[in-house]
Amino acid sequence: MAGWLCEDCLGYRVKGKVEWVPERIKKDRRKYAKEMIQPYRENEFSKEFAKANPKRTKEMVKKGAITKEQVSKARNVWSDVKEIRNLKS
């Protein structure tokens, strides 16, 4: 989707139009932010994912999906997403 994101209203502006996000969806994004975090972004393992899902991270290492080195070198890759940035563990 080409356009820019307004973080205050969580509406997307696309070709002069704004797509508004209902309040119930904003609440759900805040409520389920921990479950929505993806483990990778642009082939880089997410520190936010590892912090929010330690058991799943250990399972991924055990199954060989990631290495312990990748976990130790993980970075905050989702800091531009307000719901994840404000996530309290």
PDB file of N, CA and C in Angstrom:
ATOM      1  N   MET A   1       0.846  -1.167   0.000  1.00  0.00           N
ATOM      2  CA  MET A   1       0.000   0.000   0.000  1.00  0.00           C
ATOM      3  C   MET A   1       0.898   1.238   0.000  1.00  0.00           C
ATOM      4  N   ALA A   2       0.826   2.011  -1.025  1.00  0.00           N
ATOM      5  CA  ALA A   2       1.624   3.219  -1.102  1.00  0.00           C
ATOM      6  C   ALA A   2       0.931   4.323  -0.325  1.00  0.00           C
ATOM      7  N   GLY A   3       1.682   5.053   0.453  1.00  0.00           N
ATOM      8  CA  GLY A   3       1.124   6.140   1.242  1.00  0.00           C
ATOM      9  C   GLY A   3       1.919   6.297   2.518  1.00  0.00           C
ATOM     10  N   TRP A   4       1.364   7.044   3.446  1.00  0.00           N
ATOM     11  CA  TRP A   4       2.045   7.222   4.714  1.00  0.00           C
ATOM     12  C   TRP A   4       1.085   6.975   5.851  1.00  0.00           C
ATOM     13  N   LEU A   5       1.622   6.623   7.016  1.00  0.00           N
ATOM     14  CA  LEU A   5       0.832   6.253   8.174  1.00  0.00           C
ATOM     15  C   LEU A   5       0.789   7.399   9.168  1.00  0.00           C
ATOM     16  N   CYS A   6      -0.382   7.764   9.587  1.00  0.00           N
ATOM     17  CA  CYS A   6      -0.571   8.755  10.639  1.00  0.00           C
ATOM     18  C   CYS A   6      -0.637   7.994  11.957  1.00  0.00           C
ATOM     19  N   GLU A   7       0.402   8.119  12.803  1.00  0.00           N
ATOM     20  CA  GLU A   7       0.444   7.339  14.038  1.00  0.00           C
ATOM     21  C   GLU A   7      -0.606   7.775  15.049  1.00  0.00           C
ATOM     22  N   ASP A   8      -1.064   9.012  14.993  1.00  0.00           N
ATOM     23  CA  ASP A   8      -2.056   9.470  15.961  1.00  0.00           C
ATOM     24  C   ASP A   8      -3.414   8.831  15.726  1.00  0.00           C
ATOM     25  N   CYS A   9      -3.814   8.732  14.474  1.00  0.00           N
ATOM     26  CA  CYS A   9      -5.145   8.195  14.184  1.00  0.00           C
ATOM     27  C   CYS A   9      -5.082   6.784  13.614  1.00  0.00           C
ATOM     28  N   LEU A  10      -3.893   6.312  13.316  1.00  0.00           N
ATOM     29  CA  LEU A  10      -3.685   5.012  12.670  1.00  0.00           C
ATOM     30  C   LEU A  10      -4.480   4.905  11.377  1.00  0.00           C
ATOM     31  N   GLY A  11      -4.544   6.006  10.665  1.00  0.00           N
ATOM     32  CA  GLY A  11      -5.202   6.011   9.367  1.00  0.00           C
ATOM     33  C   GLY A  11      -4.156   6.100   8.279  1.00  0.00           C
ATOM     34  N   TYR A  12      -4.366   5.414   7.203  1.00  0.00           N
ATOM     35  CA  TYR A  12      -3.443   5.471   6.075  1.00  0.00           C
ATOM     36  C   TYR A  12      -3.927   6.512   5.075  1.00  0.00           C
ATOM     37  N   ARG A  13      -3.016   7.347   4.620  1.00  0.00           N
ATOM     38  CA  ARG A  13      -3.349   8.311   3.586  1.00  0.00           C
ATOM     39  C   ARG A  13      -2.819   7.749   2.273  1.00  0.00           C
ATOM     40  N   VAL A  14      -3.727   7.473   1.366  1.00  0.00           N
ATOM     41  CA  VAL A  14      -3.371   6.902   0.084  1.00  0.00           C
ATOM     42  C   VAL A  14      -3.998   7.758  -1.010  1.00  0.00           C
ATOM     43  N   LYS A  15      -3.152   8.369  -1.827  1.00  0.00           N
ATOM     44  CA  LYS A  15      -3.616   9.195  -2.949  1.00  0.00           C
ATOM     45  C   LYS A  15      -4.690  10.187  -2.510  1.00  0.00           C
ATOM     46  N   GLY A  16      -4.425  10.898  -1.414  1.00  0.00           N
ATOM     47  CA  GLY A  16      -5.329  11.933  -0.959  1.00  0.00           C
ATOM     48  C   GLY A  16      -6.495  11.450  -0.118  1.00  0.00           C
ATOM     49  N   LYS A  17      -6.654  10.152   0.041  1.00  0.00           N
ATOM     50  CA  LYS A  17      -7.747   9.602   0.850  1.00  0.00           C
ATOM     51  C   LYS A  17      -7.166   9.029   2.137  1.00  0.00           C
ATOM     52  N   VAL A  18      -7.938   9.077   3.196  1.00  0.00           N
ATOM     53  CA  VAL A  18      -7.506   8.521   4.467  1.00  0.00           C
ATOM     54  C   VAL A  18      -8.382   7.324   4.802  1.00  0.00           C
ATOM     55  N   GLU A  19      -7.746   6.231   5.144  1.00  0.00           N
ATOM     56  CA  GLU A  19      -8.475   5.045   5.573  1.00  0.00           C
ATOM     57  C   GLU A  19      -8.450   5.041   7.095  1.00  0.00           C
ATOM     58  N   TRP A  20      -9.581   5.283   7.717  1.00  0.00           N
ATOM     59  CA  TRP A  20      -9.654   5.367   9.172  1.00  0.00           C
ATOM     60  C   TRP A  20      -9.798   3.992   9.787  1.00  0.00           C
ATOM     61  N   VAL A  21      -9.157   3.816  10.929  1.00  0.00           N
ATOM     62  CA  VAL A  21      -9.218   2.553  11.649  1.00  0.00           C
ATOM     63  C   VAL A  21     -10.165   2.741  12.833  1.00  0.00           C
ATOM     64  N   PRO A  22     -11.193   1.910  12.942  1.00  0.00           N
ATOM     65  CA  PRO A  22     -12.140   2.047  14.050  1.00  0.00           C
ATOM     66  C   PRO A  22     -11.458   1.867  15.414  1.00  0.00           C
ATOM     67  N   GLU A  23     -12.028   2.477  16.418  1.00  0.00           N
ATOM     68  CA  GLU A  23     -11.476   2.424  17.776  1.00  0.00           C
ATOM     69  C   GLU A  23     -11.361   0.989  18.281  1.00  0.00           C
ATOM     70  N   ARG A  24     -12.316   0.121  17.945  1.00  0.00           N
ATOM     71  CA  ARG A  24     -12.252  -1.270  18.429  1.00  0.00           C
ATOM     72  C   ARG A  24     -11.023  -1.987  17.868  1.00  0.00           C
ATOM     73  N   ILE A  25     -10.633  -1.663  16.648  1.00  0.00           N
ATOM     74  CA  ILE A  25      -9.441  -2.280  16.060  1.00  0.00           C
ATOM     75  C   ILE A  25      -8.188  -1.730  16.722  1.00  0.00           C
ATOM     76  N   LYS A  26      -8.168  -0.438  17.027  1.00  0.00           N
ATOM     77  CA  LYS A  26      -7.031   0.139  17.755  1.00  0.00           C
ATOM     78  C   LYS A  26      -6.858  -0.561  19.104  1.00  0.00           C
ATOM     79  N   LYS A  27      -7.986  -0.783  19.803  1.00  0.00           N
ATOM     80  CA  LYS A  27      -7.936  -1.461  21.106  1.00  0.00           C
ATOM     81  C   LYS A  27      -7.427  -2.890  20.952  1.00  0.00           C
ATOM     82  N   ASP A  28      -7.904  -3.587  19.920  1.00  0.00           N
ATOM     83  CA  ASP A  28      -7.438  -4.953  19.684  1.00  0.00           C
ATOM     84  C   ASP A  28      -5.954  -4.988  19.361  1.00  0.00           C
ATOM     85  N   ARG A  29      -5.469  -4.012  18.612  1.00  0.00           N
ATOM     86  CA  ARG A  29      -4.034  -3.961  18.296  1.00  0.00           C
ATOM     87  C   ARG A  29      -3.216  -3.793  19.566  1.00  0.00           C
ATOM     88  N   ARG A  30      -3.714  -2.967  20.501  1.00  0.00           N
ATOM     89  CA  ARG A  30      -2.999  -2.796  21.769  1.00  0.00           C
ATOM     90  C   ARG A  30      -3.097  -4.067  22.613  1.00  0.00           C
ATOM     91  N   LYS A  31      -4.308  -4.647  22.651  1.00  0.00           N
ATOM     92  CA  LYS A  31      -4.554  -5.824  23.479  1.00  0.00           C
ATOM     93  C   LYS A  31      -3.746  -7.045  23.020  1.00  0.00           C
ATOM     94  N   TYR A  32      -3.674  -7.242  21.705  1.00  0.00           N
ATOM     95  CA  TYR A  32      -3.029  -8.431  21.158  1.00  0.00           C
ATOM     96  C   TYR A  32      -1.656  -8.164  20.540  1.00  0.00           C
ATOM     97  N   ALA A  33      -1.044  -7.053  20.885  1.00  0.00           N
ATOM     98  CA  ALA A  33       0.258  -6.689  20.299  1.00  0.00           C
ATOM     99  C   ALA A  33       1.299  -7.787  20.523  1.00  0.00           C
ATOM    100  N   LYS A  34       1.317  -8.350  21.704  1.00  0.00           N
ATOM    101  CA  LYS A  34       2.306  -9.393  22.019  1.00  0.00           C
ATOM    102  C   LYS A  34       2.171 -10.600  21.096  1.00  0.00           C
ATOM    103  N   GLU A  35       0.928 -10.964  20.788  1.00  0.00           N
ATOM    104  CA  GLU A  35       0.686 -12.115  19.929  1.00  0.00           C
ATOM    105  C   GLU A  35       0.935 -11.814  18.454  1.00  0.00           C
ATOM    106  N   MET A  36       0.909 -10.545  18.077  1.00  0.00           N
ATOM    107  CA  MET A  36       1.067 -10.169  16.674  1.00  0.00           C
ATOM    108  C   MET A  36       2.527  -9.944  16.258  1.00  0.00           C
ATOM    109  N   ILE A  37       3.434  -9.877  17.223  1.00  0.00           N
ATOM    110  CA  ILE A  37       4.838  -9.633  16.892  1.00  0.00           C
ATOM    111  C   ILE A  37       5.372 -10.796  16.057  1.00  0.00           C
ATOM    112  N   GLN A  38       5.986 -10.482  14.951  1.00  0.00           N
ATOM    113  CA  GLN A  38       6.572 -11.496  14.077  1.00  0.00           C
ATOM    114  C   GLN A  38       8.047 -11.695  14.463  1.00  0.00           C
ATOM    115  N   PRO A  39       8.581 -12.914  14.299  1.00  0.00           N
ATOM    116  CA  PRO A  39       9.956 -13.180  14.720  1.00  0.00           C
ATOM    117  C   PRO A  39      11.023 -12.527  13.840  1.00  0.00           C
ATOM    118  N   TYR A  40      10.688 -12.232  12.597  1.00  0.00           N
ATOM    119  CA  TYR A  40      11.687 -11.657  11.685  1.00  0.00           C
ATOM    120  C   TYR A  40      11.154 -10.398  11.020  1.00  0.00           C
ATOM    121  N   ARG A  41      12.082  -9.518  10.695  1.00  0.00           N
ATOM    122  CA  ARG A  41      11.779  -8.381   9.837  1.00  0.00           C
ATOM    123  C   ARG A  41      13.004  -8.167   8.971  1.00  0.00           C
ATOM    124  N   GLU A  42      12.807  -8.270   7.681  1.00  0.00           N
ATOM    125  CA  GLU A  42      13.899  -8.137   6.704  1.00  0.00           C
ATOM    126  C   GLU A  42      15.077  -9.036   7.075  1.00  0.00           C
ATOM    127  N   ASN A  43      14.767 -10.300   7.337  1.00  0.00           N
ATOM    128  CA  ASN A  43      15.758 -11.342   7.650  1.00  0.00           C
ATOM    129  C   ASN A  43      16.551 -11.094   8.925  1.00  0.00           C
ATOM    130  N   GLU A  44      16.036 -10.257   9.805  1.00  0.00           N
ATOM    131  CA  GLU A  44      16.710 -10.001  11.079  1.00  0.00           C
ATOM    132  C   GLU A  44      15.791 -10.457  12.205  1.00  0.00           C
ATOM    133  N   PHE A  45      16.350 -11.249  13.142  1.00  0.00           N
ATOM    134  CA  PHE A  45      15.549 -11.758  14.247  1.00  0.00           C
ATOM    135  C   PHE A  45      15.190 -10.629  15.200  1.00  0.00           C
ATOM    136  N   SER A  46      13.968 -10.649  15.684  1.00  0.00           N
ATOM    137  CA  SER A  46      13.408  -9.571  16.501  1.00  0.00           C
ATOM    138  C   SER A  46      13.644  -9.775  17.993  1.00  0.00           C
ATOM    139  N   LYS A  47      14.260  -8.783  18.614  1.00  0.00           N
ATOM    140  CA  LYS A  47      14.464  -8.806  20.055  1.00  0.00           C
ATOM    141  C   LYS A  47      13.122  -8.678  20.786  1.00  0.00           C
ATOM    142  N   GLU A  48      12.196  -7.903  20.197  1.00  0.00           N
ATOM    143  CA  GLU A  48      10.870  -7.754  20.794  1.00  0.00           C
ATOM    144  C   GLU A  48      10.149  -9.105  20.847  1.00  0.00           C
ATOM    145  N   PHE A  49      10.285  -9.891  19.763  1.00  0.00           N
ATOM    146  CA  PHE A  49       9.671 -11.218  19.729  1.00  0.00           C
ATOM    147  C   PHE A  49      10.277 -12.106  20.808  1.00  0.00           C
ATOM    148  N   ALA A  50      11.601 -12.115  20.906  1.00  0.00           N
ATOM    149  CA  ALA A  50      12.283 -12.958  21.888  1.00  0.00           C
ATOM    150  C   ALA A  50      11.878 -12.580  23.311  1.00  0.00           C
ATOM    151  N   LYS A  51      11.735 -11.286  23.575  1.00  0.00           N
ATOM    152  CA  LYS A  51      11.356 -10.815  24.907  1.00  0.00           C
ATOM    153  C   LYS A  51       9.894 -11.160  25.218  1.00  0.00           C
ATOM    154  N   ALA A  52       9.016 -11.006  24.244  1.00  0.00           N
ATOM    155  CA  ALA A  52       7.588 -11.262  24.452  1.00  0.00           C
ATOM    156  C   ALA A  52       7.247 -12.746  24.448  1.00  0.00           C
ATOM    157  N   ASN A  53       8.054 -13.557  23.763  1.00  0.00           N
ATOM    158  CA  ASN A  53       7.758 -14.984  23.596  1.00  0.00           C
ATOM    159  C   ASN A  53       8.985 -15.845  23.903  1.00  0.00           C
ATOM    160  N   PRO A  54       9.464 -15.848  25.148  1.00  0.00           N
ATOM    161  CA  PRO A  54      10.690 -16.608  25.454  1.00  0.00           C
ATOM    162  C   PRO A  54      10.557 -18.115  25.222  1.00  0.00           C
ATOM    163  N   LYS A  55       9.377 -18.677  25.515  1.00  0.00           N
ATOM    164  CA  LYS A  55       9.198 -20.125  25.313  1.00  0.00           C
ATOM    165  C   LYS A  55       9.237 -20.470  23.827  1.00  0.00           C
ATOM    166  N   ARG A  56       8.556 -19.667  23.016  1.00  0.00           N
ATOM    167  CA  ARG A  56       8.561 -19.918  21.561  1.00  0.00           C
ATOM    168  C   ARG A  56       9.965 -19.749  20.996  1.00  0.00           C
ATOM    169  N   THR A  57      10.716 -18.786  21.519  1.00  0.00           N
ATOM    170  CA  THR A  57      12.090 -18.576  21.045  1.00  0.00           C
ATOM    171  C   THR A  57      12.947 -19.801  21.363  1.00  0.00           C
ATOM    172  N   LYS A  58      12.812 -20.332  22.577  1.00  0.00           N
ATOM    173  CA  LYS A  58      13.568 -21.534  22.952  1.00  0.00           C
ATOM    174  C   LYS A  58      13.191 -22.722  22.064  1.00  0.00           C
ATOM    175  N   GLU A  59      11.896 -22.850  21.759  1.00  0.00           N
ATOM    176  CA  GLU A  59      11.446 -23.926  20.874  1.00  0.00           C
ATOM    177  C   GLU A  59      12.047 -23.772  19.479  1.00  0.00           C
ATOM    178  N   MET A  60      12.125 -22.534  18.997  1.00  0.00           N
ATOM    179  CA  MET A  60      12.696 -22.282  17.668  1.00  0.00           C
ATOM    180  C   MET A  60      14.177 -22.671  17.645  1.00  0.00           C
ATOM    181  N   VAL A  61      14.903 -22.386  18.724  1.00  0.00           N
ATOM    182  CA  VAL A  61      16.322 -22.758  18.802  1.00  0.00           C
ATOM    183  C   VAL A  61      16.436 -24.279  18.843  1.00  0.00           C
ATOM    184  N   LYS A  62      15.592 -24.906  19.653  1.00  0.00           N
ATOM    185  CA  LYS A  62      15.634 -26.364  19.793  1.00  0.00           C
ATOM    186  C   LYS A  62      15.349 -27.059  18.463  1.00  0.00           C
ATOM    187  N   LYS A  63      14.413 -26.511  17.683  1.00  0.00           N
ATOM    188  CA  LYS A  63      14.054 -27.108  16.398  1.00  0.00           C
ATOM    189  C   LYS A  63      15.022 -26.728  15.283  1.00  0.00           C
ATOM    190  N   GLY A  64      15.941 -25.815  15.564  1.00  0.00           N
ATOM    191  CA  GLY A  64      16.927 -25.432  14.560  1.00  0.00           C
ATOM    192  C   GLY A  64      16.466 -24.332  13.616  1.00  0.00           C
ATOM    193  N   ALA A  65      15.349 -23.684  13.926  1.00  0.00           N
ATOM    194  CA  ALA A  65      14.854 -22.599  13.070  1.00  0.00           C
ATOM    195  C   ALA A  65      15.741 -21.361  13.188  1.00  0.00           C
ATOM    196  N   ILE A  66      16.316 -21.165  14.374  1.00  0.00           N
ATOM    197  CA  ILE A  66      17.267 -20.068  14.616  1.00  0.00           C
ATOM    198  C   ILE A  66      18.387 -20.599  15.492  1.00  0.00           C
ATOM    199  N   THR A  67      19.468 -19.851  15.562  1.00  0.00           N
ATOM    200  CA  THR A  67      20.597 -20.249  16.408  1.00  0.00           C
ATOM    201  C   THR A  67      20.629 -19.381  17.664  1.00  0.00           C
ATOM    202  N   LYS A  68      21.353 -19.856  18.670  1.00  0.00           N
ATOM    203  CA  LYS A  68      21.527 -19.067  19.898  1.00  0.00           C
ATOM    204  C   LYS A  68      22.232 -17.751  19.587  1.00  0.00           C
ATOM    205  N   GLU A  69      23.114 -17.788  18.596  1.00  0.00           N
ATOM    206  CA  GLU A  69      23.832 -16.574  18.193  1.00  0.00           C
ATOM    207  C   GLU A  69      22.864 -15.530  17.638  1.00  0.00           C
ATOM    208  N   GLN A  70      21.887 -15.975  16.840  1.00  0.00           N
ATOM    209  CA  GLN A  70      20.890 -15.047  16.304  1.00  0.00           C
ATOM    210  C   GLN A  70      20.076 -14.415  17.432  1.00  0.00           C
ATOM    211  N   VAL A  71      19.754 -15.197  18.439  1.00  0.00           N
ATOM    212  CA  VAL A  71      18.995 -14.672  19.577  1.00  0.00           C
ATOM    213  C   VAL A  71      19.831 -13.643  20.332  1.00  0.00           C
ATOM    214  N   SER A  72      21.101 -13.949  20.559  1.00  0.00           N
ATOM    215  CA  SER A  72      21.951 -13.013  21.303  1.00  0.00           C
ATOM    216  C   SER A  72      22.239 -11.734  20.517  1.00  0.00           C
ATOM    217  N   LYS A  73      22.214 -11.808  19.190  1.00  0.00           N
ATOM    218  CA  LYS A  73      22.463 -10.632  18.364  1.00  0.00           C
ATOM    219  C   LYS A  73      21.171  -9.936  17.907  1.00  0.00           C
ATOM    220  N   ALA A  74      20.026 -10.385  18.422  1.00  0.00           N
ATOM    221  CA  ALA A  74      18.739  -9.811  18.014  1.00  0.00           C
ATOM    222  C   ALA A  74      18.684  -8.322  18.333  1.00  0.00           C
ATOM    223  N   ARG A  75      17.992  -7.596  17.446  1.00  0.00           N
ATOM    224  CA  ARG A  75      17.830  -6.141  17.619  1.00  0.00           C
ATOM    225  C   ARG A  75      16.347  -5.801  17.652  1.00  0.00           C
ATOM    226  N   ASN A  76      16.055  -4.608  18.161  1.00  0.00           N
ATOM    227  CA  ASN A  76      14.684  -4.096  18.133  1.00  0.00           C
ATOM    228  C   ASN A  76      14.377  -3.675  16.710  1.00  0.00           C
ATOM    229  N   VAL A  77      13.620  -4.488  16.016  1.00  0.00           N
ATOM    230  CA  VAL A  77      13.312  -4.215  14.612  1.00  0.00           C
ATOM    231  C   VAL A  77      11.892  -3.693  14.415  1.00  0.00           C
ATOM    232  N   TRP A  78      11.092  -3.690  15.466  1.00  0.00           N
ATOM    233  CA  TRP A  78       9.703  -3.246  15.364  1.00  0.00           C
ATOM    234  C   TRP A  78       9.476  -1.930  16.104  1.00  0.00           C
ATOM    235  N   SER A  79      10.508  -1.151  16.349  1.00  0.00           N
ATOM    236  CA  SER A  79      10.369   0.080  17.137  1.00  0.00           C
ATOM    237  C   SER A  79       9.526   1.149  16.446  1.00  0.00           C
ATOM    238  N   ASP A  80       9.266   1.008  15.158  1.00  0.00           N
ATOM    239  CA  ASP A  80       8.430   1.988  14.457  1.00  0.00           C
ATOM    240  C   ASP A  80       6.938   1.682  14.568  1.00  0.00           C
ATOM    241  N   VAL A  81       6.585   0.563  15.169  1.00  0.00           N
ATOM    242  CA  VAL A  81       5.179   0.194  15.338  1.00  0.00           C
ATOM    243  C   VAL A  81       4.765   0.582  16.758  1.00  0.00           C
ATOM    244  N   LYS A  82       3.834   1.540  16.856  1.00  0.00           N
ATOM    245  CA  LYS A  82       3.474   2.134  18.140  1.00  0.00           C
ATOM    246  C   LYS A  82       3.006   1.086  19.153  1.00  0.00           C
ATOM    247  N   GLU A  83       2.166   0.143  18.747  1.00  0.00           N
ATOM    248  CA  GLU A  83       1.638  -0.849  19.686  1.00  0.00           C
ATOM    249  C   GLU A  83       2.741  -1.722  20.272  1.00  0.00           C
ATOM    250  N   ILE A  84       3.729  -2.036  19.478  1.00  0.00           N
ATOM    251  CA  ILE A  84       4.842  -2.869  19.950  1.00  0.00           C
ATOM    252  C   ILE A  84       5.815  -2.018  20.766  1.00  0.00           C
ATOM    253  N   ARG A  85       6.050  -0.805  20.319  1.00  0.00           N
ATOM    254  CA  ARG A  85       6.954   0.098  21.033  1.00  0.00           C
ATOM    255  C   ARG A  85       6.447   0.360  22.442  1.00  0.00           C
ATOM    256  N   ASN A  86       5.129   0.445  22.630  1.00  0.00           N
ATOM    257  CA  ASN A  86       4.542   0.712  23.938  1.00  0.00           C
ATOM    258  C   ASN A  86       4.175  -0.548  24.703  1.00  0.00           C
ATOM    259  N   LEU A  87       4.586  -1.694  24.197  1.00  0.00           N
ATOM    260  CA  LEU A  87       4.251  -2.976  24.823  1.00  0.00           C
ATOM    261  C   LEU A  87       4.940  -3.112  26.169  1.00  0.00           C
ATOM    262  N   LYS A  88       4.157  -3.493  27.154  1.00  0.00           N
ATOM    263  CA  LYS A  88       4.704  -3.735  28.502  1.00  0.00           C
ATOM    264  C   LYS A  88       4.719  -5.234  28.722  1.00  0.00           C
ATOM    265  N   SER A  89       5.868  -5.774  29.041  1.00  0.00           N
ATOM    266  CA  SER A  89       5.986  -7.229  29.233  1.00  0.00           C
ATOM    267  C   SER A  89       5.553  -7.625  30.612  1.00  0.00           C
TER     268      SER A  89
END
